[in-house]
C-alpha atoms as a PDB file:
ATOM      1  CA  MET A   1      80.638  64.959 -49.675  1.00  0.00           C
ATOM      2  CA  PRO A   2      81.398  61.204 -48.745  1.00  0.00           C
ATOM      3  CA  PRO A   3      81.309  58.755 -51.596  1.00  0.00           C
ATOM      4  CA  ARG A   4      78.223  56.477 -51.932  1.00  0.00           C
ATOM      5  CA  PRO A   5      79.147  53.922 -54.593  1.00  0.00           C
ATOM      6  CA  ARG A   6      76.040  52.191 -55.795  1.00  0.00           C
ATOM      7  CA  SER A   7      74.409  51.218 -59.063  1.00  0.00           C
ATOM      8  CA  ASN A   8      71.280  52.758 -60.524  1.00  0.00           C
ATOM      9  CA  ARG A   9      70.898  50.160 -63.118  1.00  0.00           C
ATOM     10  CA  PRO A  10      67.391  48.507 -63.093  1.00  0.00           C
ATOM     11  CA  ALA A  11      67.313  44.826 -62.834  1.00  0.00           C
ATOM     12  CA  GLY A  12      67.728  43.218 -66.175  1.00  0.00           C
ATOM     13  CA  GLN A  13      68.925  46.339 -68.057  1.00  0.00           C
ATOM     14  CA  GLY A  14      71.886  46.124 -70.118  1.00  0.00           C
ATOM     15  CA  GLU A  15      74.801  48.572 -70.517  1.00  0.00           C
ATOM     16  CA  LEU A  16      73.942  52.114 -69.284  1.00  0.00           C
ATOM     17  CA  ASN A  17      74.007  54.980 -71.695  1.00  0.00           C
ATOM     18  CA  GLU A  18      76.828  57.551 -71.497  1.00  0.00           C
ATOM     19  CA  ALA A  19      74.560  60.158 -69.524  1.00  0.00           C
ATOM     20  CA  ALA A  20      73.692  57.369 -66.921  1.00  0.00           C
ATOM     21  CA  GLN A  21      77.368  56.241 -66.651  1.00  0.00           C
ATOM     22  CA  LEU A  22      78.561  59.917 -66.016  1.00  0.00           C
ATOM     23  CA  ALA A  23      75.572  60.385 -63.491  1.00  0.00           C
ATOM     24  CA  ASP A  24      76.768  57.373 -61.831  1.00  0.00           C
ATOM     25  CA  GLN A  25      80.288  58.708 -61.446  1.00  0.00           C
ATOM     26  CA  LEU A  26      78.910  61.917 -59.978  1.00  0.00           C
ATOM     27  CA  GLN A  27      76.931  60.033 -57.549  1.00  0.00           C
ATOM     28  CA  THR A  28      79.939  58.000 -56.487  1.00  0.00           C
ATOM     29  CA  ALA A  29      81.526  61.353 -56.012  1.00  0.00           C
ATOM     30  CA  GLY A  30      78.912  62.248 -53.496  1.00  0.00           C
ATOM     31  CA  TYR A  31      76.231  64.005 -55.526  1.00  0.00           C
ATOM     32  CA  THR A  32      72.524  62.987 -55.536  1.00  0.00           C
ATOM     33  CA  LYS A  33      70.337  62.864 -58.579  1.00  0.00           C
ATOM     34  CA  ARG A  34      68.666  66.104 -57.334  1.00  0.00           C
ATOM     35  CA  ASP A  35      72.140  67.773 -57.399  1.00  0.00           C
ATOM     36  CA  ILE A  36      72.821  66.526 -60.848  1.00  0.00           C
ATOM     37  CA  ALA A  37      69.525  68.065 -61.886  1.00  0.00           C
ATOM     38  CA  ARG A  38      70.269  71.317 -60.470  1.00  0.00           C
ATOM     39  CA  ILE A  39      73.688  71.238 -62.170  1.00  0.00           C
ATOM     40  CA  ILE A  40      72.084  70.788 -65.597  1.00  0.00           C
ATOM     41  CA  ASN A  41      69.032  72.942 -64.660  1.00  0.00           C
ATOM     42  CA  ARG A  42      66.388  70.192 -65.148  1.00  0.00           C
ATOM     43  CA  ASP A  43      64.027  68.196 -63.024  1.00  0.00           C
ATOM     44  CA  ALA A  44      65.305  65.346 -60.979  1.00  0.00           C
ATOM     45  CA  SER A  45      62.978  63.004 -62.830  1.00  0.00           C
ATOM     46  CA  LEU A  46      64.958  63.625 -66.059  1.00  0.00           C
ATOM     47  CA  VAL A  47      68.091  62.386 -64.441  1.00  0.00           C
ATOM     48  CA  SER A  48      66.121  59.182 -63.484  1.00  0.00           C
ATOM     49  CA  GLN A  49      65.114  58.891 -67.178  1.00  0.00           C
ATOM     50  CA  PHE A  50      68.802  58.465 -68.005  1.00  0.00           C
ATOM     51  CA  TYR A  51      68.447  55.094 -66.531  1.00  0.00           C
ATOM     52  CA  SER A  52      64.887  54.137 -67.209  1.00  0.00           C
ATOM     53  CA  LYS A  53      64.143  55.617 -70.611  1.00  0.00           C
ATOM     54  CA  ASN A  54      67.727  55.975 -71.992  1.00  0.00           C
ATOM     55  CA  LYS A  55      67.558  59.717 -72.143  1.00  0.00           C
ATOM     56  CA  GLY A  56      70.352  62.346 -71.675  1.00  0.00           C
ATOM     57  CA  ALA A  57      72.334  62.401 -74.787  1.00  0.00           C
ATOM     58  CA  ALA A  58      72.109  65.977 -74.906  1.00  0.00           C
ATOM     59  CA  PHE A  59      73.677  66.557 -71.589  1.00  0.00           C
ATOM     60  CA  VAL A  60      76.752  64.243 -72.153  1.00  0.00           C
ATOM     61  CA  PRO A  61      79.125  67.042 -73.054  1.00  0.00           C
ATOM     62  CA  ALA A  62      77.968  69.179 -70.104  1.00  0.00           C
ATOM     63  CA  LEU A  63      78.239  66.146 -67.784  1.00  0.00           C
ATOM     64  CA  ARG A  64      81.671  65.268 -68.975  1.00  0.00           C
ATOM     65  CA  GLN A  65      83.024  68.741 -68.223  1.00  0.00           C
ATOM     66  CA  VAL A  66      81.305  68.719 -64.781  1.00  0.00           C
ATOM     67  CA  LEU A  67      82.815  65.358 -63.934  1.00  0.00           C
ATOM     68  CA  ALA A  68      86.350  66.606 -64.946  1.00  0.00           C
ATOM     69  CA  ALA A  69      85.764  69.797 -62.897  1.00  0.00           C
ATOM     70  CA  VAL A  70      84.975  67.650 -59.931  1.00  0.00           C
ATOM     71  CA  GLN A  71      87.708  64.979 -60.366  1.00  0.00           C
ATOM     72  CA  THR A  72      90.559  67.164 -61.610  1.00  0.00           C
ATOM     73  CA  GLY A  73      89.822  70.605 -60.966  1.00  0.00           C
ATOM     74  CA  GLY A  74      88.510  70.342 -57.284  1.00  0.00           C
ATOM     75  CA  ILE A  75      85.456  72.221 -57.949  1.00  0.00           C
ATOM     76  CA  THR A  76      82.605  71.028 -55.759  1.00  0.00           C
ATOM     77  CA  ASP A  77      80.018  73.766 -55.293  1.00  0.00           C
ATOM     78  CA  LEU A  78      76.691  73.230 -57.200  1.00  0.00           C
ATOM     79  CA  PRO A  79      76.470  76.878 -58.510  1.00  0.00           C
ATOM     80  CA  ASP A  80      80.209  76.746 -60.024  1.00  0.00           C
ATOM     81  CA  LEU A  81      79.349  73.280 -61.453  1.00  0.00           C
ATOM     82  CA  ALA A  82      76.046  74.671 -62.930  1.00  0.00           C
ATOM     83  CA  SER A  83      77.792  77.437 -64.441  1.00  0.00           C
ATOM     84  CA  ILE A  84      80.232  75.052 -66.175  1.00  0.00           C
ATOM     85  CA  ALA A  85      77.429  72.856 -67.290  1.00  0.00           C
ATOM     86  CA  SER A  86      75.550  75.645 -68.881  1.00  0.00           C
ATOM     87  CA  ARG A  87      78.248  76.447 -71.256  1.00  0.00           C
ATOM     88  CA  HIS A  88      77.979  72.980 -72.849  1.00  0.00           C
ATOM     89  CA  ILE A  89      74.152  72.458 -73.046  1.00  0.00           C
ATOM     90  CA  THR A  90      72.599  73.020 -76.369  1.00  0.00           C
ATOM     91  CA  ARG A  91      68.766  72.815 -77.175  1.00  0.00           C
ATOM     92  CA  ARG A  92      67.632  69.917 -79.259  1.00  0.00           C
ATOM     93  CA  THR A  93      66.944  70.436 -82.921  1.00  0.00           C
ATOM     94  CA  THR A  94      63.948  69.079 -85.136  1.00  0.00           C
ATOM     95  CA  ALA A  95      64.599  67.028 -88.398  1.00  0.00           C
ATOM     96  CA  SER A  96      64.506  70.335 -90.183  1.00  0.00           C
ATOM     97  CA  GLY A  97      67.309  71.735 -88.162  1.00  0.00           C
ATOM     98  CA  ALA A  98      65.140  74.166 -86.185  1.00  0.00           C
ATOM     99  CA  THR A  99      65.403  74.636 -82.325  1.00  0.00           C
ATOM    100  CA  ALA A 100      63.013  72.044 -80.722  1.00  0.00           C
ATOM    101  CA  ARG A 101      60.455  73.583 -78.354  1.00  0.00           C
ATOM    102  CA  VAL A 102      60.874  72.956 -74.666  1.00  0.00           C
ATOM    103  CA  ARG A 103      57.878  71.090 -73.319  1.00  0.00           C
ATOM    104  CA  GLY A 104      56.431  72.241 -70.085  1.00  0.00           C
ATOM    105  CA  LYS A 105      53.716  74.310 -68.500  1.00  0.00           C
ATOM    106  CA  ALA A 106      53.619  78.020 -69.318  1.00  0.00           C
ATOM    107  CA  VAL A 107      53.650  80.606 -66.805  1.00  0.00           C
ATOM    108  CA  LEU A 108      49.903  81.731 -66.526  1.00  0.00           C
ATOM    109  CA  ILE A 109      49.472  84.923 -64.955  1.00  0.00           C
ATOM    110  CA  THR A 110      46.405  86.994 -66.188  1.00  0.00           C
ATOM    111  CA  PRO A 111      46.382  90.674 -66.955  1.00  0.00           C
ATOM    112  CA  THR A 112      44.945  91.245 -63.444  1.00  0.00           C
ATOM    113  CA  GLY A 113      47.928  89.480 -62.026  1.00  0.00           C
ATOM    114  CA  SER A 114      46.068  86.302 -61.052  1.00  0.00           C
ATOM    115  CA  GLY A 115      48.277  83.071 -61.173  1.00  0.00           C
ATOM    116  CA  THR A 116      48.606  79.904 -59.377  1.00  0.00           C
ATOM    117  CA  GLY A 117      50.984  77.014 -59.415  1.00  0.00           C
ATOM    118  CA  ARG A 118      50.858  73.834 -57.248  1.00  0.00           C
ATOM    119  CA  VAL A 119      53.462  70.891 -56.827  1.00  0.00           C
ATOM    120  CA  GLY A 120      53.264  67.565 -54.955  1.00  0.00           C
ATOM    121  CA  ALA A 121      55.759  65.410 -53.171  1.00  0.00           C
ATOM    122  CA  GLN A 122      57.888  64.520 -56.270  1.00  0.00           C
ATOM    123  CA  ALA A 123      58.301  68.000 -57.550  1.00  0.00           C
ATOM    124  CA  ILE A 124      58.969  69.312 -53.922  1.00  0.00           C
ATOM    125  CA  ALA A 125      61.803  66.767 -53.539  1.00  0.00           C
ATOM    126  CA  SER A 126      63.364  68.368 -56.538  1.00  0.00           C
ATOM    127  CA  GLY A 127      63.009  71.940 -55.271  1.00  0.00           C
ATOM    128  CA  SER A 128      59.738  72.798 -56.767  1.00  0.00           C
ATOM    129  CA  SER A 129      61.567  74.095 -59.909  1.00  0.00           C
ATOM    130  CA  ARG A 130      58.379  74.634 -61.892  1.00  0.00           C
ATOM    131  CA  LEU A 131      57.123  77.368 -59.538  1.00  0.00           C
ATOM    132  CA  ARG A 132      60.134  79.491 -59.933  1.00  0.00           C
ATOM    133  CA  PRO A 133      59.136  81.004 -63.290  1.00  0.00           C
ATOM    134  CA  LEU A 134      55.892  81.783 -61.806  1.00  0.00           C
ATOM    135  CA  ILE A 135      57.617  83.662 -58.822  1.00  0.00           C
ATOM    136  CA  ALA A 136      60.177  85.380 -61.096  1.00  0.00           C
ATOM    137  CA  GLU A 137      57.323  86.689 -63.361  1.00  0.00           C
ATOM    138  CA  ALA A 138      55.280  87.829 -60.338  1.00  0.00           C
ATOM    139  CA  ALA A 139      58.447  89.737 -59.291  1.00  0.00           C
ATOM    140  CA  ARG A 140      58.814  91.320 -62.630  1.00  0.00           C
ATOM    141  CA  ARG A 141      55.360  92.566 -62.651  1.00  0.00           C
ATOM    142  CA  GLY A 142      55.435  93.851 -59.143  1.00  0.00           C
ATOM    143  CA  LEU A 143      52.796  91.463 -57.817  1.00  0.00           C
ATOM    144  CA  ARG A 144      51.989  90.165 -54.393  1.00  0.00           C
ATOM    145  CA  LEU A 145      51.975  86.464 -53.615  1.00  0.00           C
ATOM    146  CA  ALA A 146      50.743  83.921 -51.021  1.00  0.00           C
ATOM    147  CA  PHE A 147      51.489  80.252 -50.403  1.00  0.00           C
ATOM    148  CA  THR A 148      49.689  77.238 -49.005  1.00  0.00           C
ATOM    149  CA  VAL A 149      51.785  74.445 -47.525  1.00  0.00           C
ATOM    150  CA  ARG A 150      50.861  70.931 -46.331  1.00  0.00           C
ATOM    151  CA  LEU A 151      52.768  69.063 -43.737  1.00  0.00           C
ATOM    152  CA  ALA A 152      52.360  66.753 -40.723  1.00  0.00           C
ATOM    153  CA  LYS A 153      50.406  68.602 -37.862  1.00  0.00           C
ATOM    154  CA  THR A 154      53.331  68.011 -35.567  1.00  0.00           C
ATOM    155  CA  GLY A 155      55.549  69.947 -37.675  1.00  0.00           C
ATOM    156  CA  TYR A 156      53.725  73.126 -36.903  1.00  0.00           C
ATOM    157  CA  VAL A 157      54.947  75.294 -34.030  1.00  0.00           C
ATOM    158  CA  HIS A 158      51.489  76.826 -33.389  1.00  0.00           C
ATOM    159  CA  PRO A 159      48.026  75.071 -32.876  1.00  0.00           C
ATOM    160  CA  SER A 160      45.402  75.395 -35.611  1.00  0.00           C
ATOM    161  CA  GLY A 161      43.770  78.752 -35.689  1.00  0.00           C
ATOM    162  CA  SER A 162      46.377  80.363 -33.440  1.00  0.00           C
ATOM    163  CA  ARG A 163      46.618  84.180 -34.046  1.00  0.00           C
ATOM    164  CA  THR A 164      50.365  83.933 -33.872  1.00  0.00           C
ATOM    165  CA  ASP A 165      50.419  82.006 -36.979  1.00  0.00           C
ATOM    166  CA  SER A 166      48.853  83.231 -40.251  1.00  0.00           C
ATOM    167  CA  PRO A 167      46.080  83.735 -40.987  1.00  0.00           C
ATOM    168  CA  GLY A 168      44.904  83.048 -37.499  1.00  0.00           C
ATOM    169  CA  ILE A 169      41.414  81.696 -38.412  1.00  0.00           C
ATOM    170  CA  ARG A 170      40.413  78.282 -38.946  1.00  0.00           C
ATOM    171  CA  ARG A 171      38.654  78.645 -42.022  1.00  0.00           C
ATOM    172  CA  ASP A 172      42.141  78.812 -44.054  1.00  0.00           C
ATOM    173  CA  VAL A 173      43.271  75.638 -42.309  1.00  0.00           C
ATOM    174  CA  ILE A 174      42.527  72.328 -43.826  1.00  0.00           C
ATOM    175  CA  GLN A 175      43.048  69.137 -41.758  1.00  0.00           C
ATOM    176  CA  ARG A 176      43.517  65.803 -43.489  1.00  0.00           C
ATOM    177  CA  ALA A 177      42.674  62.352 -42.347  1.00  0.00           C
ATOM    178  CA  ASP A 178      46.405  61.280 -42.656  1.00  0.00           C
ATOM    179  CA  HIS A 179      47.287  63.616 -39.849  1.00  0.00           C
ATOM    180  CA  THR A 180      48.628  66.405 -42.132  1.00  0.00           C
ATOM    181  CA  GLU A 181      47.274  69.857 -42.313  1.00  0.00           C
ATOM    182  CA  GLU A 182      47.310  72.737 -44.861  1.00  0.00           C
ATOM    183  CA  ARG A 183      47.821  76.254 -43.890  1.00  0.00           C
ATOM    184  CA  SER A 184      47.791  79.473 -45.958  1.00  0.00           C
ATOM    185  CA  TYR A 185      50.191  82.395 -45.402  1.00  0.00           C
ATOM    186  CA  GLY A 186      49.198  85.674 -47.087  1.00  0.00           C
ATOM    187  CA  SER A 187      45.974  86.804 -48.914  1.00  0.00           C
ATOM    188  CA  ALA A 188      44.718  89.848 -50.714  1.00  0.00           C
ATOM    189  CA  GLN A 189      42.976  90.746 -47.481  1.00  0.00           C
ATOM    190  CA  THR A 190      46.090  90.748 -45.325  1.00  0.00           C
ATOM    191  CA  GLY A 191      48.417  92.136 -48.195  1.00  0.00           C
ATOM    192  CA  GLY A 192      50.411  88.925 -48.825  1.00  0.00           C
ATOM    193  CA  HIS A 193      54.185  88.909 -49.689  1.00  0.00           C
ATOM    194  CA  ASP A 194      56.227  91.014 -52.030  1.00  0.00           C
ATOM    195  CA  ALA A 195      56.879  88.741 -54.878  1.00  0.00           C
ATOM    196  CA  ALA A 196      60.324  90.506 -55.481  1.00  0.00           C
ATOM    197  CA  GLY A 197      61.508  89.805 -52.095  1.00  0.00           C
ATOM    198  CA  PHE A 198      60.428  86.215 -52.222  1.00  0.00           C
ATOM    199  CA  ALA A 199      62.150  85.824 -55.604  1.00  0.00           C
ATOM    200  CA  GLN A 200      65.370  87.064 -53.930  1.00  0.00           C
ATOM    201  CA  ARG A 201      64.852  84.290 -51.287  1.00  0.00           C
ATOM    202  CA  VAL A 202      64.408  81.816 -53.962  1.00  0.00           C
ATOM    203  CA  ASP A 203      67.562  82.894 -55.850  1.00  0.00           C
ATOM    204  CA  ALA A 204      69.457  82.836 -52.483  1.00  0.00           C
ATOM    205  CA  ALA A 205      68.570  79.316 -52.155  1.00  0.00           C
ATOM    206  CA  GLY A 206      69.932  78.412 -55.625  1.00  0.00           C
ATOM    207  CA  GLY A 207      66.460  78.254 -57.158  1.00  0.00           C
ATOM    208  CA  ASP A 208      64.989  75.885 -54.732  1.00  0.00           C
ATOM    209  CA  VAL A 209      61.566  77.068 -54.047  1.00  0.00           C
ATOM    210  CA  THR A 210      60.817  74.377 -51.462  1.00  0.00           C
ATOM    211  CA  ALA A 211      63.927  75.405 -49.435  1.00  0.00           C
ATOM    212  CA  ALA A 212      63.080  79.184 -49.571  1.00  0.00           C
ATOM    213  CA  VAL A 213      59.475  78.470 -48.340  1.00  0.00           C
ATOM    214  CA  HIS A 214      60.900  76.216 -45.670  1.00  0.00           C
ATOM    215  CA  GLN A 215      63.347  78.729 -44.488  1.00  0.00           C
ATOM    216  CA  TRP A 216      60.804  81.572 -44.329  1.00  0.00           C
ATOM    217  CA  LEU A 217      58.558  79.224 -42.142  1.00  0.00           C
ATOM    218  CA  VAL A 218      61.297  78.197 -39.800  1.00  0.00           C
ATOM    219  CA  GLU A 219      62.583  81.779 -39.579  1.00  0.00           C
ATOM    220  CA  THR A 220      59.402  83.257 -38.615  1.00  0.00           C
ATOM    221  CA  GLY A 221      58.812  80.409 -35.953  1.00  0.00           C
ATOM    222  CA  ARG A 222      55.859  78.809 -37.840  1.00  0.00           C
ATOM    223  CA  ILE A 223      57.134  75.224 -38.475  1.00  0.00           C
ATOM    224  CA  ARG A 224      59.937  73.055 -36.928  1.00  0.00           C
ATOM    225  CA  PRO A 225      63.222  72.769 -38.538  1.00  0.00           C
ATOM    226  CA  ASP A 226      62.867  68.954 -39.305  1.00  0.00           C
ATOM    227  CA  ALA A 227      59.331  69.453 -40.812  1.00  0.00           C
ATOM    228  CA  HIS A 228      58.864  68.237 -44.506  1.00  0.00           C
ATOM    229  CA  ILE A 229      56.674  70.143 -46.898  1.00  0.00           C
ATOM    230  CA  ILE A 230      54.613  67.615 -48.977  1.00  0.00           C
ATOM    231  CA  HIS A 231      52.398  70.053 -50.825  1.00  0.00           C
ATOM    232  CA  LEU A 232      53.085  73.746 -51.863  1.00  0.00           C
ATOM    233  CA  GLU A 233      50.847  76.126 -53.823  1.00  0.00           C
ATOM    234  CA  ILE A 234      51.734  79.632 -54.819  1.00  0.00           C
ATOM    235  CA  ARG A 235      49.157  82.292 -55.742  1.00  0.00           C
ATOM    236  CA  THR A 236      49.698  85.767 -57.030  1.00  0.00           C
ATOM    237  CA  TRP A 237      47.621  88.975 -57.594  1.00  0.00           C
ATOM    238  CA  ARG A 238      48.114  92.550 -58.342  1.00  0.00           C
ATOM    239  CA  PRO A 239      48.195  94.935 -55.268  1.00  0.00           C
ATOM    240  CA  ARG A 240      45.225  97.395 -55.077  1.00  0.00           C
END
């Protein structure tokens, strides 16, 4: 990756903390904040908070090891760097010494298999990572899934309501005033997608749910390769 030397320090802010300094060095080496987030298995918004909210102390040992691997070990692949980082990331502890709970939304799938997860532009840009546990749990339970995507109308290959596209009926297409369009792929009526097979796609994409959905849409001739997903929803249910 070509180096892109630049500073992420907000105007008026003093010396960066060590996590931000290490992130800066990784970005100089050609990695994006999204890449760094994938390496430490967190959302890209947390990496931004190294700069804006002085966070990231818990990731300093991992970032040091990753930077050393890049600079002296010649290791550049994200999965390899993520493996190195995972060995040096420990959970926070409370004042009493107990392991701190991780804040975040629970994976909510009912006993009937019904579950829904939605992400917008910011989460999509970082790979829609919050949807990965939902897909993984659906795969574990042997569920089916469907998804709805929103993108510019010009990003779709087939016109709205085309039977070549899914579902082929206009009532499952929502057209927006900003020239974007939502289309749903899969339903309980049509059978949907095998969650286990889709989980394998996500794993093959390095955990990037956005990339896995985009790849499926391109492979099946539904969207153009340069189309950008700006909204994504996953729904699950138990097959009859």
